[in-house]
N, C-alpha and C. Protein backbone atom coordinates (compact mmCIF):
# COMPACT_ATOMS: atom_id res chain seq x y z
N MET A 1 -6.78 -44.89 -17.95
CA MET A 1 -5.75 -45.03 -16.80
C MET A 1 -4.39 -43.98 -16.78
N ASN A 2 -4.21 -43.99 -17.99
CA ASN A 2 -3.04 -43.71 -18.13
C ASN A 2 -3.53 -41.55 -18.09
N TYR A 3 -4.11 -41.66 -18.38
CA TYR A 3 -4.73 -40.16 -18.46
C TYR A 3 -4.60 -39.35 -16.76
N LEU A 4 -5.57 -40.72 -16.12
CA LEU A 4 -5.72 -39.82 -14.90
C LEU A 4 -4.80 -40.96 -14.22
N TYR A 5 -3.58 -41.09 -14.44
CA TYR A 5 -2.53 -41.04 -13.84
C TYR A 5 -1.81 -40.25 -13.94
N ALA A 6 -1.53 -39.39 -15.18
CA ALA A 6 -1.16 -37.96 -15.40
C ALA A 6 -1.39 -37.16 -15.03
N ILE A 7 -2.77 -36.93 -14.68
CA ILE A 7 -3.31 -36.38 -14.12
C ILE A 7 -3.05 -35.67 -12.38
N HIS A 8 -3.00 -36.73 -11.90
CA HIS A 8 -2.85 -37.28 -10.26
C HIS A 8 -0.94 -36.75 -10.06
N ARG A 9 -0.74 -36.66 -10.94
CA ARG A 9 0.78 -36.83 -11.06
C ARG A 9 1.15 -35.20 -11.15
N LYS A 10 0.37 -34.11 -11.59
CA LYS A 10 0.21 -32.89 -12.16
C LYS A 10 0.81 -32.97 -12.99
N GLU A 11 1.41 -33.68 -14.17
CA GLU A 11 1.58 -33.71 -15.55
C GLU A 11 0.68 -32.99 -16.58
N VAL A 12 0.89 -31.86 -16.96
CA VAL A 12 0.48 -31.00 -18.19
C VAL A 12 0.13 -32.62 -18.80
N VAL A 13 -1.00 -33.01 -19.40
CA VAL A 13 -1.29 -33.61 -20.86
C VAL A 13 -1.27 -32.96 -22.08
N ASP A 14 -0.38 -32.94 -22.70
CA ASP A 14 -0.17 -32.21 -24.09
C ASP A 14 -1.66 -32.75 -24.78
N GLU A 15 -1.88 -31.51 -25.82
CA GLU A 15 -2.63 -31.75 -26.65
C GLU A 15 -2.52 -33.31 -27.41
N GLN A 16 -1.46 -33.88 -28.23
CA GLN A 16 -1.86 -35.34 -28.40
C GLN A 16 -2.51 -36.36 -27.45
N GLY A 17 -2.06 -36.09 -26.01
CA GLY A 17 -2.26 -37.15 -24.94
C GLY A 17 -3.91 -36.95 -24.97
N LYS A 18 -4.42 -35.24 -25.22
CA LYS A 18 -6.02 -34.94 -24.96
C LYS A 18 -6.62 -35.31 -26.94
N MET A 19 -5.95 -35.73 -27.42
CA MET A 19 -6.00 -35.93 -28.84
C MET A 19 -6.69 -37.63 -28.76
N ASP A 20 -5.75 -37.88 -28.12
CA ASP A 20 -5.72 -39.95 -28.18
C ASP A 20 -6.48 -40.80 -27.27
N LEU A 21 -6.83 -38.87 -26.44
CA LEU A 21 -7.92 -39.71 -25.02
C LEU A 21 -10.03 -39.89 -25.74
N GLU A 22 -9.70 -38.04 -26.47
CA GLU A 22 -10.22 -38.01 -27.47
C GLU A 22 -11.23 -38.79 -28.65
N GLU A 23 -10.17 -39.56 -29.39
CA GLU A 23 -9.95 -40.35 -30.45
C GLU A 23 -10.63 -42.09 -29.75
N ALA A 24 -10.10 -42.13 -28.91
CA ALA A 24 -10.67 -43.38 -28.05
C ALA A 24 -11.86 -43.03 -27.54
N ARG A 25 -12.34 -42.00 -27.12
CA ARG A 25 -13.76 -41.96 -26.50
C ARG A 25 -14.35 -42.27 -28.17
N ARG A 26 -14.16 -41.08 -28.73
CA ARG A 26 -15.15 -41.88 -29.82
C ARG A 26 -14.88 -42.56 -31.15
N SER A 27 -13.93 -43.26 -30.86
CA SER A 27 -14.23 -44.91 -31.53
C SER A 27 -14.93 -46.02 -31.12
N PHE A 28 -15.19 -45.65 -29.56
CA PHE A 28 -15.56 -46.50 -28.56
C PHE A 28 -16.81 -46.63 -28.88
N THR A 29 -17.91 -45.00 -28.85
CA THR A 29 -18.76 -44.71 -29.40
C THR A 29 -19.43 -45.07 -30.34
N GLU A 30 -18.94 -45.06 -31.96
CA GLU A 30 -19.10 -45.93 -32.89
C GLU A 30 -19.20 -47.53 -32.65
N SER A 31 -18.60 -47.65 -32.10
CA SER A 31 -18.52 -49.11 -32.22
C SER A 31 -19.75 -49.48 -31.37
N PHE A 32 -20.08 -48.80 -30.32
CA PHE A 32 -21.08 -49.16 -29.33
C PHE A 32 -22.44 -48.86 -30.26
N ALA A 33 -22.20 -47.98 -31.45
CA ALA A 33 -23.32 -47.92 -32.24
C ALA A 33 -23.44 -49.03 -33.32
N GLU A 34 -22.12 -49.24 -33.53
CA GLU A 34 -22.45 -50.47 -34.45
C GLU A 34 -23.31 -52.03 -33.99
N ALA A 35 -23.01 -51.72 -33.03
CA ALA A 35 -22.86 -53.19 -32.40
C ALA A 35 -24.61 -53.06 -31.87
N GLN A 36 -24.92 -51.81 -31.61
CA GLN A 36 -26.49 -51.77 -31.53
C GLN A 36 -27.49 -51.83 -32.21
N ILE A 37 -26.40 -52.22 -33.97
CA ILE A 37 -27.35 -52.59 -34.90
C ILE A 37 -27.58 -54.00 -35.14
N ILE A 38 -26.22 -54.79 -34.80
CA ILE A 38 -26.35 -56.35 -34.73
C ILE A 38 -26.92 -57.18 -34.04
N ALA A 39 -26.21 -56.24 -32.43
CA ALA A 39 -25.92 -57.34 -30.93
C ALA A 39 -27.44 -57.73 -30.86
N PRO A 40 -27.45 -59.28 -30.40
CA PRO A 40 -28.75 -59.60 -29.21
C PRO A 40 -28.98 -58.79 -28.08
N GLN A 41 -29.83 -58.78 -27.69
CA GLN A 41 -29.82 -57.84 -25.81
C GLN A 41 -29.26 -58.62 -24.95
N GLU A 42 -28.98 -59.45 -24.97
CA GLU A 42 -27.91 -59.94 -24.03
C GLU A 42 -26.58 -59.62 -23.90
N VAL A 43 -26.02 -59.37 -25.18
CA VAL A 43 -24.75 -58.50 -25.63
C VAL A 43 -25.10 -57.63 -25.53
N LEU A 44 -26.14 -56.88 -26.01
CA LEU A 44 -26.20 -55.53 -25.36
C LEU A 44 -25.96 -55.13 -23.99
N ALA A 45 -26.89 -55.53 -23.26
CA ALA A 45 -26.87 -55.38 -21.46
C ALA A 45 -25.42 -55.58 -21.39
N THR A 46 -24.25 -56.24 -21.92
CA THR A 46 -23.21 -56.07 -20.97
C THR A 46 -22.78 -54.42 -21.75
N ILE A 47 -22.35 -54.51 -23.04
CA ILE A 47 -22.21 -53.47 -23.69
C ILE A 47 -22.42 -51.97 -22.88
N TYR A 48 -23.90 -52.32 -22.74
CA TYR A 48 -24.25 -50.77 -22.28
C TYR A 48 -23.70 -50.40 -20.54
N VAL A 49 -23.30 -51.86 -19.84
CA VAL A 49 -22.48 -51.63 -18.49
C VAL A 49 -21.28 -50.99 -18.91
N ILE A 50 -20.43 -51.45 -19.70
CA ILE A 50 -19.55 -50.62 -20.03
C ILE A 50 -19.28 -49.83 -21.19
N ARG A 51 -20.31 -49.10 -21.69
CA ARG A 51 -20.42 -47.53 -21.84
C ARG A 51 -20.63 -46.50 -20.72
N GLU A 52 -22.09 -47.14 -19.84
CA GLU A 52 -22.11 -45.72 -18.77
C GLU A 52 -20.88 -45.74 -18.01
N GLY A 53 -20.40 -47.03 -17.98
CA GLY A 53 -19.26 -46.84 -16.77
C GLY A 53 -17.83 -46.49 -17.85
N THR A 54 -17.55 -46.40 -18.80
CA THR A 54 -16.68 -45.51 -19.39
C THR A 54 -17.30 -44.11 -19.66
N ALA A 55 -18.49 -43.85 -19.51
CA ALA A 55 -18.92 -42.33 -19.76
C ALA A 55 -18.72 -41.18 -18.69
N LYS A 56 -19.02 -42.26 -17.43
CA LYS A 56 -19.13 -42.03 -16.13
C LYS A 56 -17.67 -41.58 -15.74
N GLY A 57 -16.46 -42.12 -16.41
CA GLY A 57 -14.98 -42.49 -15.64
C GLY A 57 -14.66 -41.19 -16.87
N TYR A 58 -14.70 -40.95 -17.64
CA TYR A 58 -14.21 -39.74 -18.73
C TYR A 58 -14.98 -38.57 -17.89
N ARG A 59 -16.03 -38.37 -17.47
CA ARG A 59 -16.69 -37.10 -17.05
C ARG A 59 -15.83 -36.81 -15.71
N ASP A 60 -15.50 -37.73 -14.79
CA ASP A 60 -15.25 -37.63 -13.47
C ASP A 60 -13.91 -37.54 -13.69
N VAL A 61 -13.03 -38.17 -14.87
CA VAL A 61 -11.23 -37.67 -15.00
C VAL A 61 -11.50 -36.56 -15.58
N LYS A 62 -12.39 -35.67 -16.82
CA LYS A 62 -12.12 -34.54 -17.34
C LYS A 62 -12.78 -33.27 -16.10
N HIS A 63 -13.74 -33.78 -14.96
CA HIS A 63 -13.78 -32.94 -13.99
C HIS A 63 -12.43 -32.70 -13.09
N LEU A 64 -11.96 -34.32 -12.57
CA LEU A 64 -10.84 -33.94 -12.01
C LEU A 64 -9.88 -32.88 -12.48
N GLU A 65 -9.28 -32.84 -13.47
CA GLU A 65 -8.43 -32.39 -14.33
C GLU A 65 -8.79 -30.86 -14.87
N ASP A 66 -9.65 -30.59 -14.45
CA ASP A 66 -10.27 -29.30 -14.44
C ASP A 66 -10.60 -28.29 -12.48
N LYS A 67 -10.05 -29.25 -11.64
CA LYS A 67 -10.05 -29.13 -10.17
C LYS A 67 -11.46 -28.94 -9.93
N ASP A 68 -12.35 -29.34 -10.48
CA ASP A 68 -13.99 -29.54 -9.89
C ASP A 68 -14.23 -30.83 -10.21
N PRO A 69 -13.70 -32.10 -9.09
CA PRO A 69 -14.27 -32.96 -8.94
C PRO A 69 -15.82 -33.34 -8.93
N GLU A 70 -16.30 -34.52 -9.20
CA GLU A 70 -17.19 -35.18 -9.02
C GLU A 70 -17.79 -35.53 -7.22
N PRO A 71 -18.86 -35.44 -6.81
CA PRO A 71 -18.64 -36.00 -5.57
C PRO A 71 -18.38 -37.81 -5.96
N ASN A 72 -17.96 -38.36 -4.69
CA ASN A 72 -17.13 -39.40 -5.27
C ASN A 72 -15.70 -39.88 -6.53
N GLY A 73 -15.77 -38.56 -6.38
CA GLY A 73 -14.65 -38.27 -7.92
C GLY A 73 -13.29 -37.89 -7.75
N SER A 74 -12.63 -38.53 -6.34
CA SER A 74 -11.01 -38.54 -5.94
C SER A 74 -10.57 -39.13 -6.78
N PHE A 75 -9.26 -39.31 -6.94
CA PHE A 75 -8.20 -39.66 -7.67
C PHE A 75 -8.30 -41.70 -7.60
N GLU A 76 -8.24 -41.68 -6.34
CA GLU A 76 -8.27 -42.79 -5.53
C GLU A 76 -10.10 -43.82 -6.38
N GLU A 77 -10.81 -43.19 -5.46
CA GLU A 77 -12.31 -43.19 -6.00
C GLU A 77 -12.73 -43.47 -7.93
N ILE A 78 -11.59 -42.73 -8.61
CA ILE A 78 -11.89 -42.99 -10.26
C ILE A 78 -11.21 -44.01 -10.78
N GLU A 79 -10.09 -44.36 -9.50
CA GLU A 79 -8.98 -45.41 -10.18
C GLU A 79 -9.40 -46.78 -10.12
N THR A 80 -10.16 -46.85 -8.35
CA THR A 80 -10.86 -47.80 -7.88
C THR A 80 -12.32 -48.20 -8.63
N PHE A 81 -13.31 -47.09 -9.54
CA PHE A 81 -14.41 -47.25 -10.58
C PHE A 81 -13.61 -47.99 -11.98
N LEU A 82 -12.64 -47.19 -12.12
CA LEU A 82 -11.94 -47.59 -13.26
C LEU A 82 -11.65 -49.57 -13.50
N ASN A 83 -10.95 -49.44 -12.16
CA ASN A 83 -10.28 -51.13 -12.50
C ASN A 83 -11.50 -51.60 -11.90
N GLY A 84 -12.76 -51.45 -11.18
CA GLY A 84 -14.17 -52.63 -11.35
C GLY A 84 -14.78 -52.60 -12.65
N LEU A 85 -14.39 -51.89 -13.45
CA LEU A 85 -15.03 -51.51 -14.98
C LEU A 85 -13.96 -52.22 -15.74
N TRP A 86 -12.83 -51.98 -15.10
CA TRP A 86 -11.99 -52.99 -16.27
C TRP A 86 -12.46 -55.05 -16.26
N ILE A 87 -13.20 -55.22 -14.95
CA ILE A 87 -13.64 -56.87 -14.50
C ILE A 87 -14.40 -57.28 -15.51
N LYS A 88 -14.99 -56.20 -15.60
CA LYS A 88 -16.53 -55.96 -16.34
C LYS A 88 -16.44 -56.41 -18.27
N TRP A 89 -15.56 -56.27 -18.31
CA TRP A 89 -15.17 -56.40 -19.76
C TRP A 89 -14.84 -57.79 -20.08
N GLY A 90 -14.53 -59.35 -19.04
CA GLY A 90 -14.46 -59.91 -19.22
C GLY A 90 -16.00 -60.60 -19.53
N ASP A 91 -16.95 -60.37 -18.86
CA ASP A 91 -18.50 -59.96 -18.74
C ASP A 91 -19.15 -60.17 -20.73
N MET A 92 -18.39 -59.00 -20.67
CA MET A 92 -18.82 -58.16 -22.38
C MET A 92 -18.34 -59.47 -23.29
N ARG A 93 -16.96 -59.71 -23.05
CA ARG A 93 -16.46 -60.29 -24.46
C ARG A 93 -17.18 -61.92 -23.89
N ASP A 94 -16.90 -62.32 -22.62
CA ASP A 94 -18.15 -63.87 -22.46
C ASP A 94 -19.23 -63.62 -22.99
N SER A 95 -20.03 -62.96 -23.20
CA SER A 95 -21.38 -62.25 -23.62
C SER A 95 -20.97 -62.70 -24.92
N MET A 96 -20.10 -61.71 -25.34
CA MET A 96 -20.16 -61.95 -26.95
C MET A 96 -19.90 -63.41 -27.84
N ARG A 97 -18.83 -63.56 -26.86
CA ARG A 97 -18.09 -65.33 -27.83
C ARG A 97 -19.23 -66.49 -27.26
N ASN A 98 -20.34 -65.73 -26.25
CA ASN A 98 -21.34 -67.06 -26.35
C ASN A 98 -22.48 -67.19 -27.35
N ASP A 99 -22.72 -66.00 -27.51
CA ASP A 99 -23.32 -65.68 -28.95
C ASP A 99 -22.53 -65.70 -30.65
N LEU A 100 -21.72 -66.05 -30.41
CA LEU A 100 -21.33 -66.32 -31.49
C LEU A 100 -20.77 -67.61 -31.70
N GLY A 101 -21.30 -68.81 -30.05
CA GLY A 101 -20.95 -69.74 -30.58
C GLY A 101 -19.74 -70.41 -29.65
N ILE A 102 -19.49 -69.50 -29.54
CA ILE A 102 -17.44 -69.91 -28.86
C ILE A 102 -17.31 -70.40 -27.75
N GLU A 103 -16.72 -71.20 -27.15
CA GLU A 103 -16.78 -72.33 -25.86
C GLU A 103 -15.55 -72.08 -25.54
N ASP A 104 -15.00 -71.19 -24.36
CA ASP A 104 -13.39 -72.06 -24.17
C ASP A 104 -13.38 -73.43 -23.74
């Protein structure tokens, strides 16, 4: 979200900021690949929602940064989408905890 907000404020994102975004993206992709090996289908279904959502969010933010927004790719629409995706992290967490037999 910080990257999105910086673009919205028309700040120039420096190389370190771009590298940080790419590193976060790479790290998430690696974690998802590892989960595909060990997680049951019920968990993978919740992770897949997050993976697809983060990929869409990334594309939308990069298009907005390039001043070539996707349809439904305004700052406000991306912000709303990412906030909605954030809520789904709870579903993923619950699914993982249930798989491990952890009860709240």
